[in-house]
Protein backbone atom coordinates (compact mmCIF):
# COMPACT_ATOMS: atom_id res chain seq x y z
CA MET A 1 -10.70 13.79 20.11
CA HIS A 2 -12.61 11.15 21.73
CA ALA A 3 -16.28 13.56 20.21
CA CYS A 4 -14.57 13.17 16.09
CA LEU A 5 -14.03 9.51 16.32
CA THR A 6 -17.47 9.45 17.77
CA VAL A 7 -19.13 11.74 14.64
CA PHE A 8 -16.54 9.23 12.43
CA GLU A 9 -19.05 6.18 14.33
CA ASP A 10 -21.97 8.10 13.40
CA GLU A 11 -21.19 8.57 10.34
CA GLY A 12 -20.89 5.13 9.74
CA ALA A 13 -17.47 4.82 10.06
CA PRO A 14 -15.70 6.73 6.52
CA GLU A 15 -11.99 6.93 5.91
CA TYR A 16 -12.49 11.11 5.53
CA LEU A 17 -14.98 13.57 6.50
CA SER A 18 -14.84 16.92 5.00
CA THR A 19 -13.76 19.56 8.05
CA ALA A 20 -16.74 21.63 7.29
CA GLU A 21 -19.59 18.17 7.67
CA LEU A 22 -16.97 17.53 10.90
CA VAL A 23 -17.09 20.78 12.11
CA GLU A 24 -21.20 20.94 11.55
CA ARG A 25 -21.49 17.96 13.57
CA LEU A 26 -19.47 18.41 16.78
CA ARG A 27 -21.63 22.12 17.32
CA ASP A 28 -24.00 19.94 17.80
CA LEU A 29 -22.49 18.80 21.32
CA PRO A 30 -23.05 20.05 25.00
CA GLY A 31 -20.17 21.41 26.54
CA GLN A 32 -16.92 22.15 25.79
CA ALA A 33 -14.16 20.76 23.50
CA GLU A 34 -11.02 20.07 25.35
CA GLY A 35 -11.95 23.18 28.46
CA ARG A 36 -11.17 25.53 25.33
CA TRP A 37 -14.08 26.55 23.18
CA SER A 38 -17.74 25.28 23.47
CA TYR A 39 -18.61 22.72 20.57
CA VAL A 40 -21.19 25.69 19.12
CA GLY A 41 -18.46 28.06 19.14
CA LEU A 42 -16.27 25.61 17.36
CA THR A 43 -14.79 26.75 13.71
CA PRO A 44 -12.66 24.74 11.03
CA LEU A 45 -9.51 26.79 12.83
CA ARG A 46 -10.21 26.00 16.30
CA LEU A 47 -10.66 22.64 15.62
CA GLY A 48 -7.31 22.44 13.55
CA LEU A 49 -5.68 24.09 16.65
CA LEU A 50 -7.13 21.32 18.62
CA LEU A 51 -6.07 18.73 16.82
CA SER A 52 -2.95 19.76 15.66
CA GLY A 53 -1.21 19.53 19.01
CA TYR A 54 -1.72 15.85 18.56
CA GLY A 55 -0.33 15.61 15.23
CA VAL A 56 -3.48 14.98 13.28
CA GLN A 57 -3.79 17.68 10.00
CA PRO A 58 -6.51 17.84 7.69
CA ARG A 59 -6.28 16.37 4.16
CA LYS A 60 -6.53 16.67 0.83
CA PRO A 61 -8.48 12.98 0.01
CA ARG A 62 -8.16 11.93 -3.27
CA LYS A 63 -11.77 10.50 -3.35
CA PRO A 64 -14.54 11.11 -2.76
CA ARG A 65 -14.93 15.10 -3.87
CA ALA A 66 -16.98 17.49 -2.89
CA ALA A 67 -20.56 17.25 -5.37
CA ASP A 68 -18.97 20.60 -7.64
CA GLY A 69 -15.95 18.46 -8.17
CA SER A 70 -13.62 20.87 -6.15
CA CYS A 71 -11.04 19.42 -3.92
CA TYR A 72 -11.84 20.03 0.05
CA ARG A 73 -9.79 19.48 3.38
CA ALA A 74 -10.79 16.48 5.37
CA TYR A 75 -9.86 14.67 8.48
CA ARG A 76 -8.58 10.92 8.14
CA ARG A 77 -10.13 8.47 10.42
CA ALA A 78 -7.24 6.68 10.65
CA ASP A 79 -5.12 10.00 12.09
CA LEU A 80 -7.27 10.39 14.85
CA LEU A 81 -7.17 6.78 15.93
CA ALA A 82 -3.81 7.01 15.26
CA ALA A 83 -3.39 9.65 17.69
CA ARG A 84 -5.92 8.65 20.31
CA PRO A 85 -3.21 7.00 23.17
CA ASN A 86 -1.41 10.54 23.46
CA CYS A 87 -5.38 12.34 23.97
CA SER A 88 -5.91 12.96 27.69
CA CYS A 89 -9.38 13.64 27.17
């Protein structure tokens, strides 16, 4: 949870970050995500499993769209902030 929020802050605190971008940035971290998976082995599915325990789900943001015009799944910073008090990490 906190690592995800750190990535958001490092990116200038955008409203959304795509799942792919968030996973890519988290994979650069040393250590393990909640003691379950090493960050380097993190996948979109694993991130989803970790965050779903806090009620955080990826969304389809209205804006921005991917460069090719397609929709993508993304995590919303406000959802992570709202779930932070429930995090034991």
